[in-house]
Amino acid sequence: MATYIVFTRESTQDQGELDTYMRKVGETFKGHPLKILAAYGPQQVLEGDAPEGVVIVEFPSTAAARAWYDGPAYQEVAQHRFKGSRYRAVLVEGV
């Protein structure tokens, strides 16, 4: 069953750290079966406060999503995201 990780950037704290994350995150995708469905495209806010940006990544399964997210390559790069911004990250299974 397809599984999605939805990243919502709430606010930027350190642009330099965020730039480092953006420059390095693509390398962490290698060897993982994922598809980027949306990445910081135009938004139409229907409810609540507008986030700075949204990314939706599709994986073939929850195990595949966790293998990428929990893997050492992504976790090393994610430290720059944690320092550079406030995000929400949610893993959701498809129907």
PDB file of N, CA and C in Angstrom:
ATOM      1  N   MET A   1       0.834  -1.174   0.000  1.00  0.00           N
ATOM      2  CA  MET A   1       0.000   0.000   0.000  1.00  0.00           C
ATOM      3  C   MET A   1       0.882   1.242   0.000  1.00  0.00           C
ATOM      4  N   ALA A   2       0.587   2.187  -0.846  1.00  0.00           N
ATOM      5  CA  ALA A   2       1.365   3.421  -0.912  1.00  0.00           C
ATOM      6  C   ALA A   2       1.326   4.152   0.426  1.00  0.00           C
ATOM      7  N   THR A   3       2.447   4.752   0.755  1.00  0.00           N
ATOM      8  CA  THR A   3       2.586   5.535   1.969  1.00  0.00           C
ATOM      9  C   THR A   3       3.216   6.862   1.591  1.00  0.00           C
ATOM     10  N   TYR A   4       2.812   7.907   2.268  1.00  0.00           N
ATOM     11  CA  TYR A   4       3.262   9.259   1.951  1.00  0.00           C
ATOM     12  C   TYR A   4       3.893   9.896   3.183  1.00  0.00           C
ATOM     13  N   ILE A   5       4.945  10.658   2.957  1.00  0.00           N
ATOM     14  CA  ILE A   5       5.455  11.545   3.992  1.00  0.00           C
ATOM     15  C   ILE A   5       5.156  12.958   3.515  1.00  0.00           C
ATOM     16  N   VAL A   6       4.463  13.707   4.363  1.00  0.00           N
ATOM     17  CA  VAL A   6       4.098  15.091   4.065  1.00  0.00           C
ATOM     18  C   VAL A   6       4.926  15.987   4.984  1.00  0.00           C
ATOM     19  N   PHE A   7       5.754  16.807   4.378  1.00  0.00           N
ATOM     20  CA  PHE A   7       6.571  17.780   5.105  1.00  0.00           C
ATOM     21  C   PHE A   7       5.925  19.151   4.928  1.00  0.00           C
ATOM     22  N   THR A   8       5.690  19.832   6.030  1.00  0.00           N
ATOM     23  CA  THR A   8       5.127  21.178   5.994  1.00  0.00           C
ATOM     24  C   THR A   8       6.104  22.118   6.697  1.00  0.00           C
ATOM     25  N   ARG A   9       6.666  23.044   5.946  1.00  0.00           N
ATOM     26  CA  ARG A   9       7.585  24.010   6.561  1.00  0.00           C
ATOM     27  C   ARG A   9       6.764  25.147   7.143  1.00  0.00           C
ATOM     28  N   GLU A  10       6.857  25.290   8.458  1.00  0.00           N
ATOM     29  CA  GLU A  10       6.097  26.322   9.166  1.00  0.00           C
ATOM     30  C   GLU A  10       6.831  27.665   9.174  1.00  0.00           C
ATOM     31  N   SER A  11       8.155  27.633   9.412  1.00  0.00           N
ATOM     32  CA  SER A  11       8.920  28.879   9.423  1.00  0.00           C
ATOM     33  C   SER A  11      10.410  28.581   9.270  1.00  0.00           C
ATOM     34  N   THR A  12      11.108  29.517   8.678  1.00  0.00           N
ATOM     35  CA  THR A  12      12.554  29.414   8.487  1.00  0.00           C
ATOM     36  C   THR A  12      13.250  30.116   9.643  1.00  0.00           C
ATOM     37  N   GLN A  13      14.234  29.425  10.229  1.00  0.00           N
ATOM     38  CA  GLN A  13      14.997  29.974  11.349  1.00  0.00           C
ATOM     39  C   GLN A  13      16.409  30.379  10.936  1.00  0.00           C
ATOM     40  N   ASP A  14      17.014  29.588  10.024  1.00  0.00           N
ATOM     41  CA  ASP A  14      18.399  29.827   9.600  1.00  0.00           C
ATOM     42  C   ASP A  14      18.501  29.419   8.127  1.00  0.00           C
ATOM     43  N   GLN A  15      18.485  30.395   7.241  1.00  0.00           N
ATOM     44  CA  GLN A  15      18.455  30.120   5.805  1.00  0.00           C
ATOM     45  C   GLN A  15      19.687  29.343   5.345  1.00  0.00           C
ATOM     46  N   GLY A  16      20.836  29.612   5.934  1.00  0.00           N
ATOM     47  CA  GLY A  16      22.048  28.897   5.556  1.00  0.00           C
ATOM     48  C   GLY A  16      21.942  27.406   5.832  1.00  0.00           C
ATOM     49  N   GLU A  17      21.426  27.039   6.999  1.00  0.00           N
ATOM     50  CA  GLU A  17      21.231  25.622   7.329  1.00  0.00           C
ATOM     51  C   GLU A  17      20.198  24.992   6.390  1.00  0.00           C
ATOM     52  N   LEU A  18      19.144  25.729   6.103  1.00  0.00           N
ATOM     53  CA  LEU A  18      18.112  25.211   5.196  1.00  0.00           C
ATOM     54  C   LEU A  18      18.676  25.033   3.789  1.00  0.00           C
ATOM     55  N   ASP A  19      19.510  25.949   3.337  1.00  0.00           N
ATOM     56  CA  ASP A  19      20.153  25.819   2.026  1.00  0.00           C
ATOM     57  C   ASP A  19      21.041  24.572   1.977  1.00  0.00           C
ATOM     58  N   THR A  20      21.757  24.309   3.056  1.00  0.00           N
ATOM     59  CA  THR A  20      22.594  23.103   3.115  1.00  0.00           C
ATOM     60  C   THR A  20      21.729  21.860   3.008  1.00  0.00           C
ATOM     61  N   TYR A  21      20.626  21.826   3.731  1.00  0.00           N
ATOM     62  CA  TYR A  21      19.690  20.698   3.649  1.00  0.00           C
ATOM     63  C   TYR A  21      19.203  20.511   2.210  1.00  0.00           C
ATOM     64  N   MET A  22      18.757  21.575   1.589  1.00  0.00           N
ATOM     65  CA  MET A  22      18.208  21.486   0.228  1.00  0.00           C
ATOM     66  C   MET A  22      19.272  20.993  -0.763  1.00  0.00           C
ATOM     67  N   ARG A  23      20.496  21.403  -0.569  1.00  0.00           N
ATOM     68  CA  ARG A  23      21.582  20.998  -1.454  1.00  0.00           C
ATOM     69  C   ARG A  23      21.924  19.513  -1.294  1.00  0.00           C
ATOM     70  N   LYS A  24      21.770  18.970  -0.085  1.00  0.00           N
ATOM     71  CA  LYS A  24      22.212  17.611   0.203  1.00  0.00           C
ATOM     72  C   LYS A  24      21.110  16.556   0.197  1.00  0.00           C
ATOM     73  N   VAL A  25      19.857  16.946   0.347  1.00  0.00           N
ATOM     74  CA  VAL A  25      18.791  15.953   0.535  1.00  0.00           C
ATOM     75  C   VAL A  25      18.615  15.037  -0.673  1.00  0.00           C
ATOM     76  N   GLY A  26      18.819  15.523  -1.874  1.00  0.00           N
ATOM     77  CA  GLY A  26      18.642  14.707  -3.074  1.00  0.00           C
ATOM     78  C   GLY A  26      19.517  13.468  -3.089  1.00  0.00           C
ATOM     79  N   GLU A  27      20.711  13.572  -2.542  1.00  0.00           N
ATOM     80  CA  GLU A  27      21.622  12.417  -2.479  1.00  0.00           C
ATOM     81  C   GLU A  27      21.038  11.290  -1.635  1.00  0.00           C
ATOM     82  N   THR A  28      20.211  11.628  -0.652  1.00  0.00           N
ATOM     83  CA  THR A  28      19.654  10.600   0.231  1.00  0.00           C
ATOM     84  C   THR A  28      18.580   9.758  -0.457  1.00  0.00           C
ATOM     85  N   PHE A  29      18.103  10.197  -1.616  1.00  0.00           N
ATOM     86  CA  PHE A  29      17.057   9.465  -2.334  1.00  0.00           C
ATOM     87  C   PHE A  29      17.602   8.239  -3.056  1.00  0.00           C
ATOM     88  N   LYS A  30      18.897   8.245  -3.352  1.00  0.00           N
ATOM     89  CA  LYS A  30      19.489   7.155  -4.133  1.00  0.00           C
ATOM     90  C   LYS A  30      19.269   5.813  -3.452  1.00  0.00           C
ATOM     91  N   GLY A  31      18.780   4.834  -4.240  1.00  0.00           N
ATOM     92  CA  GLY A  31      18.547   3.497  -3.736  1.00  0.00           C
ATOM     93  C   GLY A  31      17.225   3.319  -3.019  1.00  0.00           C
ATOM     94  N   HIS A  32      16.410   4.369  -2.980  1.00  0.00           N
ATOM     95  CA  HIS A  32      15.106   4.286  -2.316  1.00  0.00           C
ATOM     96  C   HIS A  32      13.996   4.465  -3.356  1.00  0.00           C
ATOM     97  N   PRO A  33      12.962   3.638  -3.275  1.00  0.00           N
ATOM     98  CA  PRO A  33      11.848   3.730  -4.228  1.00  0.00           C
ATOM     99  C   PRO A  33      10.868   4.823  -3.806  1.00  0.00           C
ATOM    100  N   LEU A  34      11.106   6.025  -4.244  1.00  0.00           N
ATOM    101  CA  LEU A  34      10.233   7.133  -3.859  1.00  0.00           C
ATOM    102  C   LEU A  34       9.907   7.995  -5.069  1.00  0.00           C
ATOM    103  N   LYS A  35       8.841   8.741  -4.920  1.00  0.00           N
ATOM    104  CA  LYS A  35       8.412   9.667  -5.965  1.00  0.00           C
ATOM    105  C   LYS A  35       7.981  10.956  -5.283  1.00  0.00           C
ATOM    106  N   ILE A  36       8.542  12.077  -5.715  1.00  0.00           N
ATOM    107  CA  ILE A  36       8.147  13.370  -5.170  1.00  0.00           C
ATOM    108  C   ILE A  36       6.907  13.825  -5.927  1.00  0.00           C
ATOM    109  N   LEU A  37       5.812  13.983  -5.194  1.00  0.00           N
ATOM    110  CA  LEU A  37       4.539  14.367  -5.802  1.00  0.00           C
ATOM    111  C   LEU A  37       4.316  15.870  -5.788  1.00  0.00           C
ATOM    112  N   ALA A  38       4.850  16.553  -4.794  1.00  0.00           N
ATOM    113  CA  ALA A  38       4.724  18.010  -4.697  1.00  0.00           C
ATOM    114  C   ALA A  38       5.934  18.533  -3.942  1.00  0.00           C
ATOM    115  N   ALA A  39       6.425  19.693  -4.366  1.00  0.00           N
ATOM    116  CA  ALA A  39       7.576  20.298  -3.694  1.00  0.00           C
ATOM    117  C   ALA A  39       7.517  21.812  -3.828  1.00  0.00           C
ATOM    118  N   TYR A  40       7.002  22.452  -2.803  1.00  0.00           N
ATOM    119  CA  TYR A  40       6.986  23.911  -2.699  1.00  0.00           C
ATOM    120  C   TYR A  40       6.263  24.597  -3.856  1.00  0.00           C
ATOM    121  N   GLY A  41       5.233  23.949  -4.386  1.00  0.00           N
ATOM    122  CA  GLY A  41       4.449  24.543  -5.453  1.00  0.00           C
ATOM    123  C   GLY A  41       3.468  25.570  -4.916  1.00  0.00           C
ATOM    124  N   PRO A  42       2.738  26.218  -5.829  1.00  0.00           N
ATOM    125  CA  PRO A  42       1.734  27.196  -5.414  1.00  0.00           C
ATOM    126  C   PRO A  42       0.690  26.547  -4.504  1.00  0.00           C
ATOM    127  N   GLN A  43       0.207  27.308  -3.544  1.00  0.00           N
ATOM    128  CA  GLN A  43      -0.773  26.823  -2.582  1.00  0.00           C
ATOM    129  C   GLN A  43      -2.033  27.662  -2.631  1.00  0.00           C
ATOM    130  N   GLN A  44      -3.133  27.038  -2.322  1.00  0.00           N
ATOM    131  CA  GLN A  44      -4.390  27.731  -2.055  1.00  0.00           C
ATOM    132  C   GLN A  44      -4.838  27.262  -0.683  1.00  0.00           C
ATOM    133  N   VAL A  45      -4.666  28.095   0.315  1.00  0.00           N
ATOM    134  CA  VAL A  45      -4.995  27.718   1.686  1.00  0.00           C
ATOM    135  C   VAL A  45      -6.509  27.714   1.849  1.00  0.00           C
ATOM    136  N   LEU A  46      -7.025  26.580   2.256  1.00  0.00           N
ATOM    137  CA  LEU A  46      -8.463  26.431   2.455  1.00  0.00           C
ATOM    138  C   LEU A  46      -8.861  26.605   3.918  1.00  0.00           C
ATOM    139  N   GLU A  47      -7.968  26.235   4.824  1.00  0.00           N
ATOM    140  CA  GLU A  47      -8.238  26.360   6.257  1.00  0.00           C
ATOM    141  C   GLU A  47      -6.927  26.586   6.988  1.00  0.00           C
ATOM    142  N   GLY A  48      -6.964  27.328   8.054  1.00  0.00           N
ATOM    143  CA  GLY A  48      -5.787  27.519   8.900  1.00  0.00           C
ATOM    144  C   GLY A  48      -4.768  28.469   8.305  1.00  0.00           C
ATOM    145  N   ASP A  49      -3.612  28.504   8.970  1.00  0.00           N
ATOM    146  CA  ASP A  49      -2.528  29.384   8.556  1.00  0.00           C
ATOM    147  C   ASP A  49      -1.764  28.776   7.384  1.00  0.00           C
ATOM    148  N   ALA A  50      -1.283  29.613   6.509  1.00  0.00           N
ATOM    149  CA  ALA A  50      -0.507  29.148   5.355  1.00  0.00           C
ATOM    150  C   ALA A  50       0.891  28.727   5.796  1.00  0.00           C
ATOM    151  N   PRO A  51       1.344  27.541   5.391  1.00  0.00           N
ATOM    152  CA  PRO A  51       2.731  27.163   5.643  1.00  0.00           C
ATOM    153  C   PRO A  51       3.635  27.846   4.623  1.00  0.00           C
ATOM    154  N   GLU A  52       4.925  27.880   4.901  1.00  0.00           N
ATOM    155  CA  GLU A  52       5.873  28.414   3.929  1.00  0.00           C
ATOM    156  C   GLU A  52       6.004  27.483   2.723  1.00  0.00           C
ATOM    157  N   GLY A  53       5.830  26.198   2.949  1.00  0.00           N
ATOM    158  CA  GLY A  53       5.952  25.260   1.843  1.00  0.00           C
ATOM    159  C   GLY A  53       5.528  23.860   2.250  1.00  0.00           C
ATOM    160  N   VAL A  54       5.208  23.057   1.231  1.00  0.00           N
ATOM    161  CA  VAL A  54       4.764  21.683   1.452  1.00  0.00           C
ATOM    162  C   VAL A  54       5.478  20.768   0.459  1.00  0.00           C
ATOM    163  N   VAL A  55       5.914  19.607   0.956  1.00  0.00           N
ATOM    164  CA  VAL A  55       6.505  18.566   0.122  1.00  0.00           C
ATOM    165  C   VAL A  55       5.762  17.273   0.425  1.00  0.00           C
ATOM    166  N   ILE A  56       5.378  16.539  -0.624  1.00  0.00           N
ATOM    167  CA  ILE A  56       4.731  15.242  -0.464  1.00  0.00           C
ATOM    168  C   ILE A  56       5.557  14.215  -1.221  1.00  0.00           C
ATOM    169  N   VAL A  57       5.993  13.177  -0.488  1.00  0.00           N
ATOM    170  CA  VAL A  57       6.826  12.124  -1.064  1.00  0.00           C
ATOM    171  C   VAL A  57       6.072  10.802  -0.945  1.00  0.00           C
ATOM    172  N   GLU A  58       5.988  10.063  -2.046  1.00  0.00           N
ATOM    173  CA  GLU A  58       5.288   8.781  -2.075  1.00  0.00           C
ATOM    174  C   GLU A  58       6.297   7.629  -2.031  1.00  0.00           C
ATOM    175  N   PHE A  59       5.968   6.619  -1.244  1.00  0.00           N
ATOM    176  CA  PHE A  59       6.745   5.387  -1.142  1.00  0.00           C
ATOM    177  C   PHE A  59       5.813   4.212  -1.382  1.00  0.00           C
ATOM    178  N   PRO A  60       6.327   3.065  -1.802  1.00  0.00           N
ATOM    179  CA  PRO A  60       5.456   1.918  -2.053  1.00  0.00           C
ATOM    180  C   PRO A  60       4.907   1.282  -0.782  1.00  0.00           C
ATOM    181  N   SER A  61       5.521   1.568   0.380  1.00  0.00           N
ATOM    182  CA  SER A  61       5.071   0.962   1.631  1.00  0.00           C
ATOM    183  C   SER A  61       5.574   1.798   2.806  1.00  0.00           C
ATOM    184  N   THR A  62       4.993   1.521   3.974  1.00  0.00           N
ATOM    185  CA  THR A  62       5.467   2.182   5.190  1.00  0.00           C
ATOM    186  C   THR A  62       6.901   1.781   5.486  1.00  0.00           C
ATOM    187  N   ALA A  63       7.227   0.516   5.264  1.00  0.00           N
ATOM    188  CA  ALA A  63       8.600   0.056   5.512  1.00  0.00           C
ATOM    189  C   ALA A  63       9.593   0.814   4.638  1.00  0.00           C
ATOM    190  N   ALA A  64       9.253   1.051   3.385  1.00  0.00           N
ATOM    191  CA  ALA A  64      10.138   1.791   2.480  1.00  0.00           C
ATOM    192  C   ALA A  64      10.289   3.236   2.938  1.00  0.00           C
ATOM    193  N   ALA A  65       9.200   3.841   3.383  1.00  0.00           N
ATOM    194  CA  ALA A  65       9.256   5.226   3.865  1.00  0.00           C
ATOM    195  C   ALA A  65      10.142   5.324   5.100  1.00  0.00           C
ATOM    196  N   ARG A  66       9.975   4.392   6.025  1.00  0.00           N
ATOM    197  CA  ARG A  66      10.772   4.410   7.243  1.00  0.00           C
ATOM    198  C   ARG A  66      12.236   4.098   6.958  1.00  0.00           C
ATOM    199  N   ALA A  67      12.493   3.228   5.981  1.00  0.00           N
ATOM    200  CA  ALA A  67      13.879   2.902   5.626  1.00  0.00           C
ATOM    201  C   ALA A  67      14.617   4.147   5.160  1.00  0.00           C
ATOM    202  N   TRP A  68      13.932   5.002   4.384  1.00  0.00           N
ATOM    203  CA  TRP A  68      14.567   6.248   3.935  1.00  0.00           C
ATOM    204  C   TRP A  68      14.666   7.236   5.095  1.00  0.00           C
ATOM    205  N   TYR A  69      13.530   7.522   5.739  1.00  0.00           N
ATOM    206  CA  TYR A  69      13.497   8.559   6.772  1.00  0.00           C
ATOM    207  C   TYR A  69      14.414   8.232   7.948  1.00  0.00           C
ATOM    208  N   ASP A  70      14.383   6.994   8.408  1.00  0.00           N
ATOM    209  CA  ASP A  70      15.171   6.593   9.569  1.00  0.00           C
ATOM    210  C   ASP A  70      16.624   6.242   9.225  1.00  0.00           C
ATOM    211  N   GLY A  71      16.926   6.158   7.936  1.00  0.00           N
ATOM    212  CA  GLY A  71      18.263   5.766   7.507  1.00  0.00           C
ATOM    213  C   GLY A  71      19.320   6.794   7.888  1.00  0.00           C
ATOM    214  N   PRO A  72      20.557   6.346   8.045  1.00  0.00           N
ATOM    215  CA  PRO A  72      21.624   7.252   8.470  1.00  0.00           C
ATOM    216  C   PRO A  72      21.888   8.393   7.487  1.00  0.00           C
ATOM    217  N   ALA A  73      21.741   8.149   6.195  1.00  0.00           N
ATOM    218  CA  ALA A  73      22.011   9.210   5.214  1.00  0.00           C
ATOM    219  C   ALA A  73      21.026  10.364   5.389  1.00  0.00           C
ATOM    220  N   TYR A  74      19.727  10.044   5.479  1.00  0.00           N
ATOM    221  CA  TYR A  74      18.753  11.121   5.628  1.00  0.00           C
ATOM    222  C   TYR A  74      18.859  11.768   7.003  1.00  0.00           C
ATOM    223  N   GLN A  75      19.029  10.975   8.037  1.00  0.00           N
ATOM    224  CA  GLN A  75      19.095  11.550   9.378  1.00  0.00           C
ATOM    225  C   GLN A  75      20.275  12.509   9.526  1.00  0.00           C
ATOM    226  N   GLU A  76      21.379  12.221   8.869  1.00  0.00           N
ATOM    227  CA  GLU A  76      22.519  13.142   8.912  1.00  0.00           C
ATOM    228  C   GLU A  76      22.170  14.473   8.245  1.00  0.00           C
ATOM    229  N   VAL A  77      21.547  14.413   7.077  1.00  0.00           N
ATOM    230  CA  VAL A  77      21.164  15.627   6.346  1.00  0.00           C
ATOM    231  C   VAL A  77      20.029  16.362   7.063  1.00  0.00           C
ATOM    232  N   ALA A  78      19.107  15.619   7.659  1.00  0.00           N
ATOM    233  CA  ALA A  78      17.948  16.221   8.334  1.00  0.00           C
ATOM    234  C   ALA A  78      18.370  17.151   9.465  1.00  0.00           C
ATOM    235  N   GLN A  79      19.547  16.931  10.042  1.00  0.00           N
ATOM    236  CA  GLN A  79      20.005  17.811  11.122  1.00  0.00           C
ATOM    237  C   GLN A  79      20.081  19.269  10.649  1.00  0.00           C
ATOM    238  N   HIS A  80      20.377  19.487   9.383  1.00  0.00           N
ATOM    239  CA  HIS A  80      20.402  20.852   8.833  1.00  0.00           C
ATOM    240  C   HIS A  80      18.976  21.413   8.741  1.00  0.00           C
ATOM    241  N   ARG A  81      18.016  20.561   8.396  1.00  0.00           N
ATOM    242  CA  ARG A  81      16.617  21.003   8.347  1.00  0.00           C
ATOM    243  C   ARG A  81      16.138  21.376   9.745  1.00  0.00           C
ATOM    244  N   PHE A  82      16.503  20.546  10.736  1.00  0.00           N
ATOM    245  CA  PHE A  82      16.090  20.819  12.114  1.00  0.00           C
ATOM    246  C   PHE A  82      16.658  22.148  12.610  1.00  0.00           C
ATOM    247  N   LYS A  83      17.893  22.471  12.227  1.00  0.00           N
ATOM    248  CA  LYS A  83      18.520  23.729  12.638  1.00  0.00           C
ATOM    249  C   LYS A  83      18.008  24.918  11.826  1.00  0.00           C
ATOM    250  N   GLY A  84      17.582  24.653  10.596  1.00  0.00           N
ATOM    251  CA  GLY A  84      17.228  25.737   9.696  1.00  0.00           C
ATOM    252  C   GLY A  84      15.782  26.168   9.696  1.00  0.00           C
ATOM    253  N   SER A  85      14.893  25.318  10.239  1.00  0.00           N
ATOM    254  CA  SER A  85      13.475  25.644  10.112  1.00  0.00           C
ATOM    255  C   SER A  85      12.627  24.830  11.074  1.00  0.00           C
ATOM    256  N   ARG A  86      11.394  25.235  11.176  1.00  0.00           N
ATOM    257  CA  ARG A  86      10.394  24.454  11.917  1.00  0.00           C
ATOM    258  C   ARG A  86       9.508  23.771  10.886  1.00  0.00           C
ATOM    259  N   TYR A  87       9.455  22.476  10.944  1.00  0.00           N
ATOM    260  CA  TYR A  87       8.654  21.650  10.033  1.00  0.00           C
ATOM    261  C   TYR A  87       7.714  20.767  10.811  1.00  0.00           C
ATOM    262  N   ARG A  88       6.709  20.286  10.141  1.00  0.00           N
ATOM    263  CA  ARG A  88       5.919  19.145  10.572  1.00  0.00           C
ATOM    264  C   ARG A  88       6.168  18.075   9.531  1.00  0.00           C
ATOM    265  N   ALA A  89       6.343  16.847   9.989  1.00  0.00           N
ATOM    266  CA  ALA A  89       6.499  15.717   9.073  1.00  0.00           C
ATOM    267  C   ALA A  89       5.532  14.637   9.526  1.00  0.00           C
ATOM    268  N   VAL A  90       4.694  14.191   8.594  1.00  0.00           N
ATOM    269  CA  VAL A  90       3.665  13.217   8.920  1.00  0.00           C
ATOM    270  C   VAL A  90       3.750  12.079   7.910  1.00  0.00           C
ATOM    271  N   LEU A  91       3.764  10.840   8.408  1.00  0.00           N
ATOM    272  CA  LEU A  91       3.707   9.669   7.557  1.00  0.00           C
ATOM    273  C   LEU A  91       2.256   9.209   7.547  1.00  0.00           C
ATOM    274  N   VAL A  92       1.693   9.043   6.360  1.00  0.00           N
ATOM    275  CA  VAL A  92       0.291   8.632   6.248  1.00  0.00           C
ATOM    276  C   VAL A  92       0.170   7.528   5.201  1.00  0.00           C
ATOM    277  N   GLU A  93      -0.559   6.476   5.561  1.00  0.00           N
ATOM    278  CA  GLU A  93      -0.771   5.377   4.633  1.00  0.00           C
ATOM    279  C   GLU A  93      -1.917   5.704   3.695  1.00  0.00           C
ATOM    280  N   GLY A  94      -1.783   5.293   2.434  1.00  0.00           N
ATOM    281  CA  GLY A  94      -2.838   5.487   1.446  1.00  0.00           C
ATOM    282  C   GLY A  94      -3.972   4.502   1.668  1.00  0.00           C
ATOM    283  N   VAL A  95      -4.997   4.658   0.858  1.00  0.00           N
ATOM    284  CA  VAL A  95      -6.152   3.754   0.953  1.00  0.00           C
ATOM    285  C   VAL A  95      -6.179   2.808  -0.221  1.00  0.00           C
TER     286      VAL A  95
END
